[in-house]
Amino acid sequence: MTEVNKAEIFEQVRDALVELFELDPADIIPEAKLYEELDLDSIDAVDLVVHLQNTTGKKIKPEEFKSVRSVQDVVDAVADLLAV
């Protein structure tokens, strides 16, 4: 199993959020809540999942993202995916 670099994953997730939703990179911190603070909705979440699937080349099951609430949750979910 390869070591997954969460700092690199965070950068990719941050870049995706900036690119897809025109968010300010300064607002994207690990503790930021996707829905409350970054103003994403469920359709945005789907767009993010599709983007991450394309970036990682891994299939992301929707149920794996149901519990995702913060940027760090996204990073952890992607790290878990890549660790398999």
N, C-alpha and C. Protein backbone atom coordinates (compact mmCIF):
# COMPACT_ATOMS: atom_id res chain seq x y z
N MET A 1 0.85 -1.19 0.00
CA MET A 1 0.00 0.00 0.00
C MET A 1 0.89 1.24 0.00
N THR A 2 0.61 2.17 -0.88
CA THR A 2 1.42 3.37 -0.93
C THR A 2 0.92 4.40 0.07
N GLU A 3 1.83 5.22 0.53
CA GLU A 3 1.48 6.28 1.47
C GLU A 3 0.77 7.39 0.69
N VAL A 4 -0.38 7.77 1.18
CA VAL A 4 -1.15 8.82 0.52
C VAL A 4 -0.83 10.15 1.19
N ASN A 5 -0.47 11.12 0.38
CA ASN A 5 -0.10 12.43 0.90
C ASN A 5 -1.34 13.31 0.98
N LYS A 6 -1.84 13.50 2.21
CA LYS A 6 -3.07 14.27 2.38
C LYS A 6 -2.87 15.75 2.04
N ALA A 7 -1.66 16.25 2.17
CA ALA A 7 -1.40 17.65 1.79
C ALA A 7 -1.60 17.83 0.29
N GLU A 8 -1.12 16.85 -0.48
CA GLU A 8 -1.30 16.91 -1.94
C GLU A 8 -2.77 16.77 -2.31
N ILE A 9 -3.47 15.88 -1.62
CA ILE A 9 -4.89 15.69 -1.89
C ILE A 9 -5.65 16.97 -1.55
N PHE A 10 -5.29 17.60 -0.43
CA PHE A 10 -5.95 18.86 -0.06
C PHE A 10 -5.76 19.91 -1.17
N GLU A 11 -4.54 19.99 -1.69
CA GLU A 11 -4.27 20.96 -2.76
C GLU A 11 -5.14 20.66 -3.99
N GLN A 12 -5.28 19.38 -4.32
CA GLN A 12 -6.11 19.01 -5.48
C GLN A 12 -7.58 19.34 -5.23
N VAL A 13 -8.05 19.06 -4.02
CA VAL A 13 -9.44 19.35 -3.68
C VAL A 13 -9.66 20.87 -3.69
N ARG A 14 -8.71 21.61 -3.11
CA ARG A 14 -8.82 23.08 -3.10
C ARG A 14 -8.85 23.61 -4.54
N ASP A 15 -7.93 23.12 -5.36
CA ASP A 15 -7.89 23.56 -6.75
C ASP A 15 -9.20 23.24 -7.47
N ALA A 16 -9.76 22.08 -7.19
CA ALA A 16 -11.02 21.69 -7.82
C ALA A 16 -12.14 22.63 -7.39
N LEU A 17 -12.19 22.97 -6.10
CA LEU A 17 -13.23 23.85 -5.60
C LEU A 17 -13.10 25.25 -6.20
N VAL A 18 -11.87 25.72 -6.35
CA VAL A 18 -11.63 27.03 -6.96
C VAL A 18 -12.05 27.00 -8.43
N GLU A 19 -11.62 25.95 -9.13
CA GLU A 19 -11.89 25.84 -10.57
C GLU A 19 -13.38 25.65 -10.86
N LEU A 20 -14.02 24.76 -10.11
CA LEU A 20 -15.41 24.41 -10.40
C LEU A 20 -16.40 25.45 -9.91
N PHE A 21 -16.12 26.06 -8.76
CA PHE A 21 -17.13 26.90 -8.11
C PHE A 21 -16.67 28.34 -7.88
N GLU A 22 -15.49 28.68 -8.43
CA GLU A 22 -14.96 30.03 -8.33
C GLU A 22 -14.90 30.52 -6.89
N LEU A 23 -14.48 29.63 -6.01
CA LEU A 23 -14.32 29.99 -4.59
C LEU A 23 -12.97 30.65 -4.38
N ASP A 24 -12.87 31.43 -3.33
CA ASP A 24 -11.61 32.06 -2.95
C ASP A 24 -10.74 31.00 -2.27
N PRO A 25 -9.54 30.75 -2.78
CA PRO A 25 -8.67 29.74 -2.16
C PRO A 25 -8.46 29.97 -0.67
N ALA A 26 -8.49 31.22 -0.23
CA ALA A 26 -8.29 31.52 1.19
C ALA A 26 -9.44 30.99 2.06
N ASP A 27 -10.61 30.81 1.45
CA ASP A 27 -11.77 30.30 2.20
C ASP A 27 -11.73 28.79 2.35
N ILE A 28 -10.90 28.14 1.55
CA ILE A 28 -10.89 26.68 1.53
C ILE A 28 -9.82 26.17 2.50
N ILE A 29 -10.28 25.91 3.71
CA ILE A 29 -9.43 25.36 4.75
C ILE A 29 -10.01 24.00 5.14
N PRO A 30 -9.21 23.14 5.75
CA PRO A 30 -9.73 21.80 6.07
C PRO A 30 -11.03 21.81 6.88
N GLU A 31 -11.19 22.80 7.77
CA GLU A 31 -12.36 22.83 8.64
C GLU A 31 -13.59 23.43 7.97
N ALA A 32 -13.42 24.02 6.78
CA ALA A 32 -14.54 24.70 6.12
C ALA A 32 -15.66 23.71 5.80
N LYS A 33 -16.88 24.08 6.16
CA LYS A 33 -18.05 23.26 5.88
C LYS A 33 -18.50 23.50 4.44
N LEU A 34 -18.66 22.42 3.69
CA LEU A 34 -18.97 22.54 2.27
C LEU A 34 -20.29 23.27 2.02
N TYR A 35 -21.30 22.93 2.79
CA TYR A 35 -22.63 23.46 2.51
C TYR A 35 -22.87 24.80 3.20
N GLU A 36 -22.48 24.90 4.47
CA GLU A 36 -22.77 26.12 5.22
C GLU A 36 -21.81 27.25 4.89
N GLU A 37 -20.51 26.96 4.86
CA GLU A 37 -19.52 28.03 4.69
C GLU A 37 -19.12 28.27 3.24
N LEU A 38 -19.04 27.21 2.46
CA LEU A 38 -18.61 27.37 1.06
C LEU A 38 -19.81 27.45 0.11
N ASP A 39 -21.01 27.30 0.67
CA ASP A 39 -22.24 27.52 -0.09
C ASP A 39 -22.43 26.55 -1.24
N LEU A 40 -21.94 25.32 -1.09
CA LEU A 40 -22.18 24.32 -2.12
C LEU A 40 -23.55 23.69 -1.89
N ASP A 41 -24.12 23.13 -2.94
CA ASP A 41 -25.36 22.39 -2.79
C ASP A 41 -25.13 20.95 -3.27
N SER A 42 -26.18 20.15 -3.27
CA SER A 42 -26.00 18.73 -3.61
C SER A 42 -25.54 18.55 -5.05
N ILE A 43 -25.97 19.41 -5.94
CA ILE A 43 -25.52 19.31 -7.34
C ILE A 43 -24.03 19.64 -7.43
N ASP A 44 -23.59 20.64 -6.67
CA ASP A 44 -22.16 20.97 -6.62
C ASP A 44 -21.36 19.78 -6.10
N ALA A 45 -21.91 19.09 -5.11
CA ALA A 45 -21.22 17.93 -4.54
C ALA A 45 -21.04 16.85 -5.59
N VAL A 46 -22.07 16.64 -6.41
CA VAL A 46 -21.98 15.65 -7.49
C VAL A 46 -20.89 16.07 -8.48
N ASP A 47 -20.88 17.36 -8.84
CA ASP A 47 -19.85 17.87 -9.76
C ASP A 47 -18.46 17.63 -9.18
N LEU A 48 -18.31 17.85 -7.89
CA LEU A 48 -17.01 17.65 -7.22
C LEU A 48 -16.62 16.17 -7.28
N VAL A 49 -17.56 15.28 -7.01
CA VAL A 49 -17.28 13.84 -7.05
C VAL A 49 -16.85 13.43 -8.46
N VAL A 50 -17.55 13.92 -9.48
CA VAL A 50 -17.20 13.58 -10.86
C VAL A 50 -15.79 14.08 -11.17
N HIS A 51 -15.49 15.30 -10.76
CA HIS A 51 -14.16 15.87 -10.99
C HIS A 51 -13.09 15.03 -10.28
N LEU A 52 -13.35 14.64 -9.04
CA LEU A 52 -12.37 13.84 -8.29
C LEU A 52 -12.20 12.45 -8.91
N GLN A 53 -13.28 11.89 -9.44
CA GLN A 53 -13.18 10.60 -10.13
C GLN A 53 -12.26 10.73 -11.34
N ASN A 54 -12.44 11.80 -12.09
CA ASN A 54 -11.60 12.01 -13.27
C ASN A 54 -10.15 12.24 -12.88
N THR A 55 -9.94 12.95 -11.78
CA THR A 55 -8.59 13.26 -11.33
C THR A 55 -7.87 12.02 -10.80
N THR A 56 -8.59 11.20 -10.03
CA THR A 56 -7.96 10.05 -9.38
C THR A 56 -8.03 8.79 -10.23
N GLY A 57 -8.96 8.76 -11.19
CA GLY A 57 -9.15 7.54 -11.96
C GLY A 57 -9.83 6.44 -11.17
N LYS A 58 -10.38 6.80 -10.01
CA LYS A 58 -11.07 5.82 -9.15
C LYS A 58 -12.57 6.11 -9.16
N LYS A 59 -13.34 5.06 -9.04
CA LYS A 59 -14.79 5.21 -8.96
C LYS A 59 -15.16 5.56 -7.52
N ILE A 60 -15.94 6.61 -7.36
CA ILE A 60 -16.38 7.03 -6.03
C ILE A 60 -17.86 6.68 -5.90
N LYS A 61 -18.18 5.88 -4.89
CA LYS A 61 -19.58 5.52 -4.67
C LYS A 61 -20.27 6.68 -3.96
N PRO A 62 -21.46 7.03 -4.41
CA PRO A 62 -22.18 8.16 -3.79
C PRO A 62 -22.33 8.02 -2.28
N GLU A 63 -22.54 6.79 -1.80
CA GLU A 63 -22.73 6.61 -0.35
C GLU A 63 -21.46 6.96 0.43
N GLU A 64 -20.30 6.86 -0.22
CA GLU A 64 -19.05 7.22 0.46
C GLU A 64 -18.96 8.73 0.69
N PHE A 65 -19.75 9.48 -0.06
CA PHE A 65 -19.71 10.94 0.08
C PHE A 65 -20.92 11.49 0.82
N LYS A 66 -21.83 10.60 1.24
CA LYS A 66 -23.02 11.07 1.95
C LYS A 66 -22.66 11.75 3.27
N SER A 67 -21.64 11.26 3.96
CA SER A 67 -21.27 11.79 5.27
C SER A 67 -20.28 12.94 5.20
N VAL A 68 -19.87 13.29 4.00
CA VAL A 68 -18.89 14.36 3.82
C VAL A 68 -19.53 15.71 4.12
N ARG A 69 -18.92 16.45 5.04
CA ARG A 69 -19.46 17.75 5.42
C ARG A 69 -18.43 18.87 5.31
N SER A 70 -17.15 18.52 5.42
CA SER A 70 -16.11 19.55 5.41
C SER A 70 -15.07 19.23 4.33
N VAL A 71 -14.22 20.19 4.06
CA VAL A 71 -13.13 19.98 3.10
C VAL A 71 -12.26 18.81 3.56
N GLN A 72 -11.98 18.74 4.87
CA GLN A 72 -11.16 17.64 5.38
C GLN A 72 -11.83 16.29 5.15
N ASP A 73 -13.15 16.23 5.26
CA ASP A 73 -13.88 14.98 4.99
C ASP A 73 -13.64 14.53 3.55
N VAL A 74 -13.64 15.49 2.63
CA VAL A 74 -13.38 15.16 1.22
C VAL A 74 -11.97 14.61 1.07
N VAL A 75 -11.00 15.29 1.69
CA VAL A 75 -9.60 14.85 1.63
C VAL A 75 -9.47 13.43 2.19
N ASP A 76 -10.09 13.17 3.33
CA ASP A 76 -10.02 11.84 3.95
C ASP A 76 -10.66 10.78 3.06
N ALA A 77 -11.79 11.11 2.45
CA ALA A 77 -12.48 10.16 1.58
C ALA A 77 -11.61 9.82 0.35
N VAL A 78 -10.98 10.84 -0.23
CA VAL A 78 -10.12 10.60 -1.38
C VAL A 78 -8.89 9.81 -0.95
N ALA A 79 -8.33 10.13 0.21
CA ALA A 79 -7.15 9.39 0.70
C ALA A 79 -7.50 7.92 0.91
N ASP A 80 -8.67 7.65 1.49
CA ASP A 80 -9.11 6.27 1.68
C ASP A 80 -9.26 5.56 0.35
N LEU A 81 -9.79 6.25 -0.62
CA LEU A 81 -10.00 5.70 -1.96
C LEU A 81 -8.65 5.33 -2.60
N LEU A 82 -7.70 6.22 -2.48
CA LEU A 82 -6.39 6.01 -3.11
C LEU A 82 -5.57 4.96 -2.38
N ALA A 83 -5.89 4.72 -1.12
CA ALA A 83 -5.12 3.76 -0.32
C ALA A 83 -5.50 2.33 -0.65
N VAL A 84 -6.61 2.15 -1.35
CA VAL A 84 -7.09 0.79 -1.67
C VAL A 84 -6.32 0.21 -2.82
